[in-house]
């Protein structure tokens, strides 16, 4: 069992930066791929970024590539999402998720956090 708690969301102006954190409980954090998803009002949950268990491989949605960076610290049981050059269209609730495979489909992830709101004003 893995419990995930996101933090770091907030209100920021366009062009600004935020760093999201996702703290995980349990001793098996380092065996899970971790991902960030987001969901805007009236839209489906969409993939943002993923990192494999060791942290050696990452993947990004085209919409955030070059602006967002996912990383993890297995000693701290934490995954991060550094978000730079934020745009109003990045406004959403951001969720972290843990799963066996580093893929983009949300259904493959077994554990989810409660989400943190990111609002980017124009």
C-alpha atoms as a PDB file:
ATOM      1  CA  UNK A   1       0.000   0.000   0.000  1.00  0.00           C
ATOM      2  CA  UNK A   2       1.280   3.452  -0.922  1.00  0.00           C
ATOM      3  CA  UNK A   3      -0.210   6.727   0.235  1.00  0.00           C
ATOM      4  CA  UNK A   4       0.577   9.874  -1.709  1.00  0.00           C
ATOM      5  CA  UNK A   5       0.270  13.484  -0.566  1.00  0.00           C
ATOM      6  CA  UNK A   6       0.814  16.371  -2.983  1.00  0.00           C
ATOM      7  CA  UNK A   7       1.817  19.894  -2.006  1.00  0.00           C
ATOM      8  CA  UNK A   8       3.146  23.062  -3.573  1.00  0.00           C
ATOM      9  CA  UNK A   9       0.189  24.198  -5.626  1.00  0.00           C
ATOM     10  CA  UNK A  10      -1.059  27.756  -5.634  1.00  0.00           C
ATOM     11  CA  UNK A  11      -1.771  30.867  -7.637  1.00  0.00           C
ATOM     12  CA  UNK A  12       0.937  32.213  -9.928  1.00  0.00           C
ATOM     13  CA  UNK A  13       1.097  34.690 -12.770  1.00  0.00           C
ATOM     14  CA  UNK A  14       1.754  33.579 -16.310  1.00  0.00           C
ATOM     15  CA  UNK A  15       5.473  33.098 -16.853  1.00  0.00           C
ATOM     16  CA  UNK A  16       6.040  32.171 -13.239  1.00  0.00           C
ATOM     17  CA  UNK A  17       7.180  28.928 -11.642  1.00  0.00           C
ATOM     18  CA  UNK A  18       5.948  26.427  -9.097  1.00  0.00           C
ATOM     19  CA  UNK A  19       7.428  23.255  -7.672  1.00  0.00           C
ATOM     20  CA  UNK A  20       5.041  20.466  -6.759  1.00  0.00           C
ATOM     21  CA  UNK A  21       6.022  17.725  -4.338  1.00  0.00           C
ATOM     22  CA  UNK A  22       4.466  14.334  -3.760  1.00  0.00           C
ATOM     23  CA  UNK A  23       5.431  12.547  -0.564  1.00  0.00           C
ATOM     24  CA  UNK A  24       4.878   8.809  -0.435  1.00  0.00           C
ATOM     25  CA  UNK A  25       4.495   6.499   2.510  1.00  0.00           C
ATOM     26  CA  UNK A  26       5.698   2.919   2.515  1.00  0.00           C
ATOM     27  CA  UNK A  27       8.998   1.166   2.014  1.00  0.00           C
ATOM     28  CA  UNK A  28       8.446   0.258  -1.616  1.00  0.00           C
ATOM     29  CA  UNK A  29       8.453   3.757  -3.126  1.00  0.00           C
ATOM     30  CA  UNK A  30      11.657   3.074  -5.040  1.00  0.00           C
ATOM     31  CA  UNK A  31      10.043   0.163  -6.864  1.00  0.00           C
ATOM     32  CA  UNK A  32       7.263   2.282  -8.400  1.00  0.00           C
ATOM     33  CA  UNK A  33       7.160   4.435 -11.476  1.00  0.00           C
ATOM     34  CA  UNK A  34       5.726   7.835 -10.586  1.00  0.00           C
ATOM     35  CA  UNK A  35       3.704  10.163 -12.734  1.00  0.00           C
ATOM     36  CA  UNK A  36       1.940  13.496 -12.663  1.00  0.00           C
ATOM     37  CA  UNK A  37      -1.463  13.984 -14.205  1.00  0.00           C
ATOM     38  CA  UNK A  38      -3.731  17.002 -14.281  1.00  0.00           C
ATOM     39  CA  UNK A  39      -7.407  17.670 -14.681  1.00  0.00           C
ATOM     40  CA  UNK A  40      -8.977  20.968 -15.616  1.00  0.00           C
ATOM     41  CA  UNK A  41     -12.676  21.696 -15.020  1.00  0.00           C
ATOM     42  CA  UNK A  42     -14.843  19.903 -17.564  1.00  0.00           C
ATOM     43  CA  UNK A  43     -11.908  18.008 -19.044  1.00  0.00           C
ATOM     44  CA  UNK A  44     -10.558  14.503 -18.719  1.00  0.00           C
ATOM     45  CA  UNK A  45      -7.520  13.731 -16.623  1.00  0.00           C
ATOM     46  CA  UNK A  46      -4.421  14.031 -18.779  1.00  0.00           C
ATOM     47  CA  UNK A  47      -0.866  12.819 -18.551  1.00  0.00           C
ATOM     48  CA  UNK A  48       1.809  15.392 -17.696  1.00  0.00           C
ATOM     49  CA  UNK A  49       5.070  13.600 -16.868  1.00  0.00           C
ATOM     50  CA  UNK A  50       6.443  10.252 -15.765  1.00  0.00           C
ATOM     51  CA  UNK A  51       9.651   8.948 -14.215  1.00  0.00           C
ATOM     52  CA  UNK A  52      10.683   5.337 -13.877  1.00  0.00           C
ATOM     53  CA  UNK A  53      11.537   3.653 -10.578  1.00  0.00           C
ATOM     54  CA  UNK A  54      15.258   4.388 -10.679  1.00  0.00           C
ATOM     55  CA  UNK A  55      14.810   7.918 -11.974  1.00  0.00           C
ATOM     56  CA  UNK A  56      16.872   7.228 -15.047  1.00  0.00           C
ATOM     57  CA  UNK A  57      14.107   7.729 -17.589  1.00  0.00           C
ATOM     58  CA  UNK A  58      11.491  10.421 -17.894  1.00  0.00           C
ATOM     59  CA  UNK A  59       8.708  11.302 -20.301  1.00  0.00           C
ATOM     60  CA  UNK A  60       6.572  14.373 -20.882  1.00  0.00           C
ATOM     61  CA  UNK A  61       3.416  15.455 -22.599  1.00  0.00           C
ATOM     62  CA  UNK A  62       4.140  17.614 -25.627  1.00  0.00           C
ATOM     63  CA  UNK A  63       2.296  20.510 -24.010  1.00  0.00           C
ATOM     64  CA  UNK A  64       4.790  20.730 -21.130  1.00  0.00           C
ATOM     65  CA  UNK A  65       8.006  19.512 -22.742  1.00  0.00           C
ATOM     66  CA  UNK A  66      10.826  21.982 -22.180  1.00  0.00           C
ATOM     67  CA  UNK A  67       8.932  23.764 -19.386  1.00  0.00           C
ATOM     68  CA  UNK A  68       8.323  21.056 -16.762  1.00  0.00           C
ATOM     69  CA  UNK A  69      10.819  18.700 -15.146  1.00  0.00           C
ATOM     70  CA  UNK A  70       9.981  15.603 -13.154  1.00  0.00           C
ATOM     71  CA  UNK A  71      12.460  14.210 -10.645  1.00  0.00           C
ATOM     72  CA  UNK A  72      12.501  11.939  -7.641  1.00  0.00           C
ATOM     73  CA  UNK A  73      14.466  11.399  -4.464  1.00  0.00           C
ATOM     74  CA  UNK A  74      14.067   7.779  -3.413  1.00  0.00           C
ATOM     75  CA  UNK A  75      15.826   8.430  -0.105  1.00  0.00           C
ATOM     76  CA  UNK A  76      13.081  10.935   0.752  1.00  0.00           C
ATOM     77  CA  UNK A  77      10.210   8.992  -0.852  1.00  0.00           C
ATOM     78  CA  UNK A  78       9.334  12.085  -2.834  1.00  0.00           C
ATOM     79  CA  UNK A  79       8.689  12.961  -6.462  1.00  0.00           C
ATOM     80  CA  UNK A  80       8.777  16.533  -7.744  1.00  0.00           C
ATOM     81  CA  UNK A  81       7.413  18.480 -10.661  1.00  0.00           C
ATOM     82  CA  UNK A  82       9.250  21.712 -11.418  1.00  0.00           C
ATOM     83  CA  UNK A  83       7.004  23.900 -13.550  1.00  0.00           C
ATOM     84  CA  UNK A  84       8.485  26.906 -15.324  1.00  0.00           C
ATOM     85  CA  UNK A  85       7.083  29.381 -17.841  1.00  0.00           C
ATOM     86  CA  UNK A  86       3.588  28.603 -16.656  1.00  0.00           C
ATOM     87  CA  UNK A  87       0.649  29.413 -18.898  1.00  0.00           C
ATOM     88  CA  UNK A  88      -3.031  29.947 -18.070  1.00  0.00           C
ATOM     89  CA  UNK A  89      -3.809  26.664 -19.826  1.00  0.00           C
ATOM     90  CA  UNK A  90      -1.721  24.866 -17.191  1.00  0.00           C
ATOM     91  CA  UNK A  91      -4.441  25.657 -14.668  1.00  0.00           C
ATOM     92  CA  UNK A  92      -5.728  22.376 -13.241  1.00  0.00           C
ATOM     93  CA  UNK A  93      -5.698  20.067 -10.263  1.00  0.00           C
ATOM     94  CA  UNK A  94      -2.430  18.165 -10.367  1.00  0.00           C
ATOM     95  CA  UNK A  95      -2.272  14.570  -9.148  1.00  0.00           C
ATOM     96  CA  UNK A  96       0.665  12.297  -8.550  1.00  0.00           C
ATOM     97  CA  UNK A  97       0.303   8.573  -9.096  1.00  0.00           C
ATOM     98  CA  UNK A  98       2.329   5.423  -8.460  1.00  0.00           C
ATOM     99  CA  UNK A  99       2.331   2.347 -10.638  1.00  0.00           C
ATOM    100  CA  UNK A 100       4.324  -0.628 -11.758  1.00  0.00           C
ATOM    101  CA  UNK A 101       5.033   0.737 -15.237  1.00  0.00           C
ATOM    102  CA  UNK A 102       6.112   4.140 -16.520  1.00  0.00           C
ATOM    103  CA  UNK A 103       3.275   4.697 -18.965  1.00  0.00           C
ATOM    104  CA  UNK A 104       0.882   7.510 -19.839  1.00  0.00           C
ATOM    105  CA  UNK A 105      -2.444   5.773 -19.255  1.00  0.00           C
ATOM    106  CA  UNK A 106      -3.962   6.767 -15.905  1.00  0.00           C
ATOM    107  CA  UNK A 107      -5.769   3.424 -15.525  1.00  0.00           C
ATOM    108  CA  UNK A 108      -2.452   1.620 -15.093  1.00  0.00           C
ATOM    109  CA  UNK A 109      -1.619   3.504 -11.905  1.00  0.00           C
ATOM    110  CA  UNK A 110      -2.608   1.871  -8.654  1.00  0.00           C
ATOM    111  CA  UNK A 111      -2.235   4.725  -6.188  1.00  0.00           C
ATOM    112  CA  UNK A 112      -3.244   8.372  -6.389  1.00  0.00           C
ATOM    113  CA  UNK A 113      -2.872  11.449  -4.262  1.00  0.00           C
ATOM    114  CA  UNK A 114      -5.695  13.825  -3.443  1.00  0.00           C
ATOM    115  CA  UNK A 115      -4.491  16.518  -5.830  1.00  0.00           C
ATOM    116  CA  UNK A 116      -3.206  20.068  -5.511  1.00  0.00           C
ATOM    117  CA  UNK A 117      -4.663  23.077  -7.312  1.00  0.00           C
ATOM    118  CA  UNK A 118      -2.490  25.098  -9.668  1.00  0.00           C
ATOM    119  CA  UNK A 119      -3.957  28.330 -10.987  1.00  0.00           C
ATOM    120  CA  UNK A 120      -2.107  30.465 -13.518  1.00  0.00           C
ATOM    121  CA  UNK A 121      -3.446  33.969 -14.058  1.00  0.00           C
ATOM    122  CA  UNK A 122      -2.957  35.868 -17.291  1.00  0.00           C
END
